[in-house]
Amino acid sequence: MSVSATAGLIVIGNEVLSGKVVDEHTPFFVRELRDLGVELKKVSIIPDEVETIGREVAAFSAAFDFVFTTGGVGPTHDDVTMEGVARAFGVPVERNRDLERILVAHSPGETIKAQLRMADLPEGAVLLQPESIIFPIIVARNVYILPGVPSTARRKFLAIRERFRGQAFSLTVLYVSKGESAIAERLSKVAREFPEVAIGSYPRYDDADHKVKVTVESRSADRTRAAANALKSLLGDSVIRTEGLHPSAG
């Protein structure tokens, strides 16, 4: 896999946009993808509308290496994600016989008619069936289609997470006693000297022991350390403490 893989997350559900349900997917994917070395470039929260889903999935699929969708894959009338993904790729929805057999085997008789609607997938979709899960993960091209229930979505993603692992990010954090205005010029100087390193500045206005948290991050541990050392040299005694995370490539 590319060491600079990118991803997009599409959270689908009227219930999220209306505030009936809190979005738990975004924090989870932010943490997991960062740990895997995948750069999450964009998150979109959209309603259960076929046209909207189709447009967003098409755009994300073209822009990013991996796309994850959550929600809209159940048996009810408002579960339209599969139709939206099919619309994105200009293909029909068709009955997947393998998934149909799995649903029949695990669904009570009185619910099977509704459950079988969940076997209608975009043409060409494939099933991933890790041993740890009963119902497979559905993949259409580079789009991984996950359920809206957070615990189930997490369980399915964790079952396949290692397939996305790339080169990890290296991070150093500096806690600084001076305000942003006082250190801005020095941050800019180091940013110019190390263009491949991302330098972030996050002020605090409470009673914390520091006024600014500065992050220094790249995919190269050596370049991250060099940029962090350059900053520490320029900032001098105003650096209260530092923290570092420099994992090796996975």
C-alpha atoms as a PDB file:
ATOM      1  CA  MET A   1       0.000   0.000   0.000  1.00  0.00           C
ATOM      2  CA  SER A   2       1.128   3.552  -0.658  1.00  0.00           C
ATOM      3  CA  VAL A   3       2.905   5.213   2.264  1.00  0.00           C
ATOM      4  CA  SER A   4       0.741   8.279   1.711  1.00  0.00           C
ATOM      5  CA  ALA A   5      -2.700   6.681   1.470  1.00  0.00           C
ATOM      6  CA  THR A   6      -5.687   8.969   1.906  1.00  0.00           C
ATOM      7  CA  ALA A   7      -9.217   8.327   3.083  1.00  0.00           C
ATOM      8  CA  GLY A   8     -12.612   9.961   3.293  1.00  0.00           C
ATOM      9  CA  LEU A   9     -15.458   9.219   5.698  1.00  0.00           C
ATOM     10  CA  ILE A  10     -19.129   9.653   4.808  1.00  0.00           C
ATOM     11  CA  VAL A  11     -21.535   9.445   7.747  1.00  0.00           C
ATOM     12  CA  ILE A  12     -25.021   8.827   6.377  1.00  0.00           C
ATOM     13  CA  GLY A  13     -28.154   9.435   8.405  1.00  0.00           C
ATOM     14  CA  ASN A  14     -30.942  11.937   8.933  1.00  0.00           C
ATOM     15  CA  GLU A  15     -30.761  11.070  12.616  1.00  0.00           C
ATOM     16  CA  VAL A  16     -27.237  12.495  12.882  1.00  0.00           C
ATOM     17  CA  LEU A  17     -28.064  15.723  11.059  1.00  0.00           C
ATOM     18  CA  SER A  18     -31.188  16.253  13.169  1.00  0.00           C
ATOM     19  CA  GLY A  19     -29.383  15.667  16.455  1.00  0.00           C
ATOM     20  CA  LYS A  20     -31.336  12.544  17.384  1.00  0.00           C
ATOM     21  CA  VAL A  21     -28.125  10.513  17.382  1.00  0.00           C
ATOM     22  CA  VAL A  22     -24.601  11.700  18.193  1.00  0.00           C
ATOM     23  CA  ASP A  23     -21.952  10.963  15.574  1.00  0.00           C
ATOM     24  CA  GLU A  24     -19.579   8.434  17.148  1.00  0.00           C
ATOM     25  CA  HIS A  25     -18.012   7.371  13.861  1.00  0.00           C
ATOM     26  CA  THR A  26     -15.841  10.402  13.157  1.00  0.00           C
ATOM     27  CA  PRO A  27     -13.772  10.310  16.386  1.00  0.00           C
ATOM     28  CA  PHE A  28     -13.238   6.571  15.955  1.00  0.00           C
ATOM     29  CA  PHE A  29     -12.036   6.804  12.351  1.00  0.00           C
ATOM     30  CA  VAL A  30      -9.846   9.827  13.087  1.00  0.00           C
ATOM     31  CA  ARG A  31      -7.980   7.834  15.735  1.00  0.00           C
ATOM     32  CA  GLU A  32      -7.819   4.530  13.881  1.00  0.00           C
ATOM     33  CA  LEU A  33      -6.748   5.866  10.501  1.00  0.00           C
ATOM     34  CA  ARG A  34      -4.118   8.125  12.028  1.00  0.00           C
ATOM     35  CA  ASP A  35      -2.682   5.175  13.918  1.00  0.00           C
ATOM     36  CA  LEU A  36      -2.563   3.198  10.668  1.00  0.00           C
ATOM     37  CA  GLY A  37      -0.731   5.960   8.824  1.00  0.00           C
ATOM     38  CA  VAL A  38      -3.715   6.826   6.624  1.00  0.00           C
ATOM     39  CA  GLU A  39      -4.458  10.517   6.172  1.00  0.00           C
ATOM     40  CA  LEU A  40      -8.152  11.239   6.692  1.00  0.00           C
ATOM     41  CA  LYS A  41      -8.711  14.135   4.304  1.00  0.00           C
ATOM     42  CA  LYS A  42     -12.429  14.800   4.596  1.00  0.00           C
ATOM     43  CA  VAL A  43     -15.508  13.895   6.635  1.00  0.00           C
ATOM     44  CA  SER A  44     -19.012  14.473   5.321  1.00  0.00           C
ATOM     45  CA  ILE A  45     -22.314  13.998   7.152  1.00  0.00           C
ATOM     46  CA  ILE A  46     -25.203  13.662   4.726  1.00  0.00           C
ATOM     47  CA  PRO A  47     -28.899  12.689   4.749  1.00  0.00           C
ATOM     48  CA  ASP A  48     -30.488   9.422   3.634  1.00  0.00           C
ATOM     49  CA  GLU A  49     -31.003  10.609   0.058  1.00  0.00           C
ATOM     50  CA  VAL A  50     -29.996   8.514  -2.936  1.00  0.00           C
ATOM     51  CA  GLU A  51     -28.884  11.449  -5.087  1.00  0.00           C
ATOM     52  CA  THR A  52     -26.847  13.031  -2.297  1.00  0.00           C
ATOM     53  CA  ILE A  53     -25.196   9.734  -1.410  1.00  0.00           C
ATOM     54  CA  GLY A  54     -24.417   9.079  -5.061  1.00  0.00           C
ATOM     55  CA  ARG A  55     -22.770  12.458  -5.590  1.00  0.00           C
ATOM     56  CA  GLU A  56     -20.728  12.293  -2.400  1.00  0.00           C
ATOM     57  CA  VAL A  57     -19.552   8.715  -2.883  1.00  0.00           C
ATOM     58  CA  ALA A  58     -18.542   9.414  -6.486  1.00  0.00           C
ATOM     59  CA  ALA A  59     -16.534  12.468  -5.453  1.00  0.00           C
ATOM     60  CA  PHE A  60     -14.869  10.743  -2.499  1.00  0.00           C
ATOM     61  CA  SER A  61     -14.075   7.601  -4.485  1.00  0.00           C
ATOM     62  CA  ALA A  62     -12.302   9.658  -7.150  1.00  0.00           C
ATOM     63  CA  ALA A  63     -10.396  11.783  -4.632  1.00  0.00           C
ATOM     64  CA  PHE A  64      -9.210   9.290  -2.001  1.00  0.00           C
ATOM     65  CA  ASP A  65      -7.615   5.854  -1.830  1.00  0.00           C
ATOM     66  CA  PHE A  66     -10.177   4.539   0.643  1.00  0.00           C
ATOM     67  CA  VAL A  67     -13.728   5.624   1.379  1.00  0.00           C
ATOM     68  CA  PHE A  68     -15.731   4.503   4.399  1.00  0.00           C
ATOM     69  CA  THR A  69     -19.479   4.978   4.657  1.00  0.00           C
ATOM     70  CA  THR A  70     -21.574   4.376   7.747  1.00  0.00           C
ATOM     71  CA  GLY A  71     -25.332   4.028   7.962  1.00  0.00           C
ATOM     72  CA  GLY A  72     -28.263   3.271   5.708  1.00  0.00           C
ATOM     73  CA  VAL A  73     -27.699  -0.458   5.201  1.00  0.00           C
ATOM     74  CA  GLY A  74     -30.625  -1.912   7.171  1.00  0.00           C
ATOM     75  CA  PRO A  75     -33.938  -3.420   6.025  1.00  0.00           C
ATOM     76  CA  THR A  76     -36.194  -0.352   6.294  1.00  0.00           C
ATOM     77  CA  HIS A  77     -37.467   2.123   3.711  1.00  0.00           C
ATOM     78  CA  ASP A  78     -34.965   4.829   4.653  1.00  0.00           C
ATOM     79  CA  ASP A  79     -31.924   2.570   4.236  1.00  0.00           C
ATOM     80  CA  VAL A  80     -30.828   3.697   0.778  1.00  0.00           C
ATOM     81  CA  THR A  81     -27.035   3.640   0.952  1.00  0.00           C
ATOM     82  CA  MET A  82     -26.674   0.679  -1.416  1.00  0.00           C
ATOM     83  CA  GLU A  83     -28.786   2.412  -4.032  1.00  0.00           C
ATOM     84  CA  GLY A  84     -26.767   5.586  -3.565  1.00  0.00           C
ATOM     85  CA  VAL A  85     -23.437   3.785  -3.976  1.00  0.00           C
ATOM     86  CA  ALA A  86     -24.759   2.056  -7.094  1.00  0.00           C
ATOM     87  CA  ARG A  87     -25.795   5.460  -8.429  1.00  0.00           C
ATOM     88  CA  ALA A  88     -22.274   6.766  -7.763  1.00  0.00           C
ATOM     89  CA  PHE A  89     -20.751   4.136 -10.040  1.00  0.00           C
ATOM     90  CA  GLY A  90     -23.513   3.998 -12.625  1.00  0.00           C
ATOM     91  CA  VAL A  91     -24.381   0.359 -11.950  1.00  0.00           C
ATOM     92  CA  PRO A  92     -27.632  -1.372 -10.982  1.00  0.00           C
ATOM     93  CA  VAL A  93     -28.473  -2.912  -7.634  1.00  0.00           C
ATOM     94  CA  GLU A  94     -28.563  -6.707  -7.782  1.00  0.00           C
ATOM     95  CA  ARG A  95     -29.240  -9.573  -5.396  1.00  0.00           C
ATOM     96  CA  ASN A  96     -26.041 -11.059  -3.985  1.00  0.00           C
ATOM     97  CA  ARG A  97     -26.713 -14.767  -3.572  1.00  0.00           C
ATOM     98  CA  ASP A  98     -23.869 -15.361  -1.118  1.00  0.00           C
ATOM     99  CA  LEU A  99     -25.161 -12.662   1.207  1.00  0.00           C
ATOM    100  CA  GLU A 100     -28.694 -13.928   0.707  1.00  0.00           C
ATOM    101  CA  ARG A 101     -27.667 -17.372   1.988  1.00  0.00           C
ATOM    102  CA  ILE A 102     -26.000 -15.836   5.040  1.00  0.00           C
ATOM    103  CA  LEU A 103     -29.093 -13.771   5.838  1.00  0.00           C
ATOM    104  CA  VAL A 104     -31.417 -16.758   5.442  1.00  0.00           C
ATOM    105  CA  ALA A 105     -29.244 -18.821   7.767  1.00  0.00           C
ATOM    106  CA  HIS A 106     -29.253 -16.204  10.524  1.00  0.00           C
ATOM    107  CA  SER A 107     -32.690 -14.550  10.256  1.00  0.00           C
ATOM    108  CA  PRO A 108     -35.890 -15.655  12.041  1.00  0.00           C
ATOM    109  CA  GLY A 109     -38.588 -16.807   9.626  1.00  0.00           C
ATOM    110  CA  GLU A 110     -40.954 -13.917  10.251  1.00  0.00           C
ATOM    111  CA  THR A 111     -38.302 -11.300   9.425  1.00  0.00           C
ATOM    112  CA  ILE A 112     -36.621 -12.889   6.435  1.00  0.00           C
ATOM    113  CA  LYS A 113     -38.535 -10.931   3.781  1.00  0.00           C
ATOM    114  CA  ALA A 114     -37.355  -7.600   5.171  1.00  0.00           C
ATOM    115  CA  GLN A 115     -33.865  -8.912   5.877  1.00  0.00           C
ATOM    116  CA  LEU A 116     -33.362 -10.061   2.298  1.00  0.00           C
ATOM    117  CA  ARG A 117     -33.518  -6.449   1.160  1.00  0.00           C
ATOM    118  CA  MET A 118     -30.060  -6.186   2.726  1.00  0.00           C
ATOM    119  CA  ALA A 119     -28.722  -8.623   0.103  1.00  0.00           C
ATOM    120  CA  ASP A 120     -29.382  -6.144  -2.718  1.00  0.00           C
ATOM    121  CA  LEU A 121     -25.957  -4.655  -3.451  1.00  0.00           C
ATOM    122  CA  PRO A 122     -24.338  -2.504  -6.132  1.00  0.00           C
ATOM    123  CA  GLU A 123     -23.336  -4.649  -9.083  1.00  0.00           C
ATOM    124  CA  GLY A 124     -19.753  -5.846  -8.689  1.00  0.00           C
ATOM    125  CA  ALA A 125     -19.652  -5.423  -4.904  1.00  0.00           C
ATOM    126  CA  VAL A 126     -17.570  -7.996  -3.058  1.00  0.00           C
ATOM    127  CA  LEU A 127     -17.907  -9.490   0.409  1.00  0.00           C
ATOM    128  CA  LEU A 128     -15.113  -9.566   2.976  1.00  0.00           C
ATOM    129  CA  GLN A 129     -15.698 -12.277   5.565  1.00  0.00           C
ATOM    130  CA  PRO A 130     -13.169 -12.230   8.416  1.00  0.00           C
ATOM    131  CA  GLU A 131     -13.597 -15.119  10.835  1.00  0.00           C
ATOM    132  CA  SER A 132     -14.497 -12.776  13.684  1.00  0.00           C
ATOM    133  CA  ILE A 133     -17.762 -11.516  12.152  1.00  0.00           C
ATOM    134  CA  ILE A 134     -20.943 -13.226  10.958  1.00  0.00           C
ATOM    135  CA  PHE A 135     -22.223 -10.726   8.431  1.00  0.00           C
ATOM    136  CA  PRO A 136     -19.622  -9.724   5.827  1.00  0.00           C
ATOM    137  CA  ILE A 137     -18.246  -6.300   5.038  1.00  0.00           C
ATOM    138  CA  ILE A 138     -19.442  -4.998   1.681  1.00  0.00           C
ATOM    139  CA  VAL A 139     -16.935  -3.321  -0.622  1.00  0.00           C
ATOM    140  CA  ALA A 140     -17.796  -1.521  -3.857  1.00  0.00           C
ATOM    141  CA  ARG A 141     -14.567  -0.582  -5.637  1.00  0.00           C
ATOM    142  CA  ASN A 142     -12.661   1.436  -3.011  1.00  0.00           C
ATOM    143  CA  VAL A 143     -15.740   2.090  -0.857  1.00  0.00           C
ATOM    144  CA  TYR A 144     -16.150   0.129   2.381  1.00  0.00           C
ATOM    145  CA  ILE A 145     -19.826   0.151   3.347  1.00  0.00           C
ATOM    146  CA  LEU A 146     -20.393  -0.147   7.096  1.00  0.00           C
ATOM    147  CA  PRO A 147     -23.504  -0.110   9.282  1.00  0.00           C
ATOM    148  CA  GLY A 148     -24.694   2.902  11.218  1.00  0.00           C
ATOM    149  CA  VAL A 149     -24.699   1.241  14.647  1.00  0.00           C
ATOM    150  CA  PRO A 150     -21.351   2.433  16.052  1.00  0.00           C
ATOM    151  CA  SER A 151     -20.427  -0.767  17.899  1.00  0.00           C
ATOM    152  CA  THR A 152     -21.096  -2.889  14.810  1.00  0.00           C
ATOM    153  CA  ALA A 153     -19.247  -0.521  12.481  1.00  0.00           C
ATOM    154  CA  ARG A 154     -16.247  -0.518  14.823  1.00  0.00           C
ATOM    155  CA  ARG A 155     -16.213  -4.294  15.082  1.00  0.00           C
ATOM    156  CA  LYS A 156     -16.281  -4.701  11.313  1.00  0.00           C
ATOM    157  CA  PHE A 157     -13.570  -2.128  10.703  1.00  0.00           C
ATOM    158  CA  LEU A 158     -11.300  -3.597  13.364  1.00  0.00           C
ATOM    159  CA  ALA A 159     -11.632  -6.999  11.703  1.00  0.00           C
ATOM    160  CA  ILE A 160      -9.967  -5.632   8.543  1.00  0.00           C
ATOM    161  CA  ARG A 161      -7.959  -2.657   9.836  1.00  0.00           C
ATOM    162  CA  GLU A 162      -4.522  -4.083   9.068  1.00  0.00           C
ATOM    163  CA  ARG A 163      -5.216  -4.111   5.330  1.00  0.00           C
ATOM    164  CA  PHE A 164      -5.002  -0.300   5.462  1.00  0.00           C
ATOM    165  CA  ARG A 165      -1.734   0.011   7.382  1.00  0.00           C
ATOM    166  CA  GLY A 166       0.884   2.273   5.840  1.00  0.00           C
ATOM    167  CA  GLN A 167       3.831   4.329   7.026  1.00  0.00           C
ATOM    168  CA  ALA A 168       3.059   5.761  10.442  1.00  0.00           C
ATOM    169  CA  PHE A 169       3.159   9.436  11.340  1.00  0.00           C
ATOM    170  CA  SER A 170       5.916  10.752  13.594  1.00  0.00           C
ATOM    171  CA  LEU A 171       4.832  13.417  16.075  1.00  0.00           C
ATOM    172  CA  THR A 172       6.531  15.708  18.569  1.00  0.00           C
ATOM    173  CA  VAL A 173       4.539  18.054  20.810  1.00  0.00           C
ATOM    174  CA  LEU A 174       6.025  21.152  22.441  1.00  0.00           C
ATOM    175  CA  TYR A 175       4.233  22.942  25.281  1.00  0.00           C
ATOM    176  CA  VAL A 176       5.187  26.612  25.256  1.00  0.00           C
ATOM    177  CA  SER A 177       4.786  29.293  27.935  1.00  0.00           C
ATOM    178  CA  LYS A 178       4.551  32.216  25.479  1.00  0.00           C
ATOM    179  CA  GLY A 179       1.515  33.206  23.427  1.00  0.00           C
ATOM    180  CA  GLU A 180       1.069  32.622  19.697  1.00  0.00           C
ATOM    181  CA  SER A 181       1.942  36.167  18.681  1.00  0.00           C
ATOM    182  CA  ALA A 182       5.259  35.936  20.511  1.00  0.00           C
ATOM    183  CA  ILE A 183       6.318  32.744  18.742  1.00  0.00           C
ATOM    184  CA  ALA A 184       4.609  33.116  15.342  1.00  0.00           C
ATOM    185  CA  GLU A 185       7.687  34.337  13.463  1.00  0.00           C
ATOM    186  CA  ARG A 186       9.811  31.483  14.777  1.00  0.00           C
ATOM    187  CA  LEU A 187       7.182  28.916  13.833  1.00  0.00           C
ATOM    188  CA  SER A 188       7.056  30.345  10.323  1.00  0.00           C
ATOM    189  CA  LYS A 189      10.843  30.184  10.019  1.00  0.00           C
ATOM    190  CA  VAL A 190      10.962  26.485  10.858  1.00  0.00           C
ATOM    191  CA  ALA A 191       7.959  25.772   8.620  1.00  0.00           C
ATOM    192  CA  ARG A 192       9.856  27.310   5.699  1.00  0.00           C
ATOM    193  CA  GLU A 193      12.984  25.301   6.492  1.00  0.00           C
ATOM    194  CA  PHE A 194      11.056  22.019   6.756  1.00  0.00           C
ATOM    195  CA  PRO A 195       8.264  22.179   4.152  1.00  0.00           C
ATOM    196  CA  GLU A 196       7.589  18.439   4.418  1.00  0.00           C
ATOM    197  CA  VAL A 197       6.832  18.769   8.141  1.00  0.00           C
ATOM    198  CA  ALA A 198       3.424  19.965   9.348  1.00  0.00           C
ATOM    199  CA  ILE A 199       3.652  22.444  12.207  1.00  0.00           C
ATOM    200  CA  GLY A 200       0.492  23.256  14.133  1.00  0.00           C
ATOM    201  CA  SER A 201      -0.138  25.875  16.816  1.00  0.00           C
ATOM    202  CA  TYR A 202      -3.018  25.560  19.298  1.00  0.00           C
ATOM    203  CA  PRO A 203      -3.437  28.291  21.945  1.00  0.00           C
ATOM    204  CA  ARG A 204      -4.916  27.852  25.406  1.00  0.00           C
ATOM    205  CA  TYR A 205      -6.798  30.555  27.302  1.00  0.00           C
ATOM    206  CA  ASP A 206      -7.480  28.712  30.543  1.00  0.00           C
ATOM    207  CA  ASP A 207      -5.316  27.971  33.583  1.00  0.00           C
ATOM    208  CA  ALA A 208      -3.203  25.290  31.887  1.00  0.00           C
ATOM    209  CA  ASP A 209       0.545  25.326  32.505  1.00  0.00           C
ATOM    210  CA  HIS A 210       1.178  26.347  28.882  1.00  0.00           C
ATOM    211  CA  LYS A 211      -0.167  28.976  26.506  1.00  0.00           C
ATOM    212  CA  VAL A 212       0.430  27.179  23.207  1.00  0.00           C
ATOM    213  CA  LYS A 213       0.620  23.532  22.190  1.00  0.00           C
ATOM    214  CA  VAL A 214       2.844  23.199  19.120  1.00  0.00           C
ATOM    215  CA  THR A 215       2.746  19.990  17.074  1.00  0.00           C
ATOM    216  CA  VAL A 216       5.505  18.904  14.697  1.00  0.00           C
ATOM    217  CA  GLU A 217       4.523  16.019  12.437  1.00  0.00           C
ATOM    218  CA  SER A 218       5.620  14.151   9.322  1.00  0.00           C
ATOM    219  CA  ARG A 219       6.073  10.611   8.035  1.00  0.00           C
ATOM    220  CA  SER A 220       9.828  10.794   8.663  1.00  0.00           C
ATOM    221  CA  ALA A 221      10.956  10.430  12.269  1.00  0.00           C
ATOM    222  CA  ASP A 222      14.309  12.016  11.394  1.00  0.00           C
ATOM    223  CA  ARG A 223      12.752  15.097   9.787  1.00  0.00           C
ATOM    224  CA  THR A 224      10.247  15.457  12.612  1.00  0.00           C
ATOM    225  CA  ARG A 225      13.031  15.366  15.199  1.00  0.00           C
ATOM    226  CA  ALA A 226      15.131  17.828  13.213  1.00  0.00           C
ATOM    227  CA  ALA A 227      12.268  20.312  12.907  1.00  0.00           C
ATOM    228  CA  ALA A 228      11.360  19.909  16.580  1.00  0.00           C
ATOM    229  CA  ASN A 229      14.967  20.486  17.621  1.00  0.00           C
ATOM    230  CA  ALA A 230      15.130  23.603  15.453  1.00  0.00           C
ATOM    231  CA  LEU A 231      11.999  24.911  17.139  1.00  0.00           C
ATOM    232  CA  LYS A 232      13.281  24.127  20.621  1.00  0.00           C
ATOM    233  CA  SER A 233      16.486  25.990  19.832  1.00  0.00           C
ATOM    234  CA  LEU A 234      14.553  29.067  18.702  1.00  0.00           C
ATOM    235  CA  LEU A 235      12.006  28.970  21.526  1.00  0.00           C
ATOM    236  CA  GLY A 236      14.553  28.373  24.280  1.00  0.00           C
ATOM    237  CA  ASP A 237      13.314  28.405  27.874  1.00  0.00           C
ATOM    238  CA  SER A 238       9.729  29.034  26.802  1.00  0.00           C
ATOM    239  CA  VAL A 239       9.431  25.310  26.000  1.00  0.00           C
ATOM    240  CA  ILE A 240       8.026  23.832  29.208  1.00  0.00           C
ATOM    241  CA  ARG A 241       8.120  20.201  28.113  1.00  0.00           C
ATOM    242  CA  THR A 242       7.987  17.988  25.047  1.00  0.00           C
ATOM    243  CA  GLU A 243       6.308  14.721  24.128  1.00  0.00           C
ATOM    244  CA  GLY A 244       7.228  12.503  21.204  1.00  0.00           C
ATOM    245  CA  LEU A 245       5.736   9.651  19.232  1.00  0.00           C
ATOM    246  CA  HIS A 246       8.049   8.216  16.597  1.00  0.00           C
ATOM    247  CA  PRO A 247       6.752   4.794  15.519  1.00  0.00           C
ATOM    248  CA  SER A 248       8.549   2.782  12.906  1.00  0.00           C
ATOM    249  CA  ALA A 249       6.856   2.084   9.589  1.00  0.00           C
ATOM    250  CA  GLY A 250       4.256  -0.658   9.782  1.00  0.00           C
END
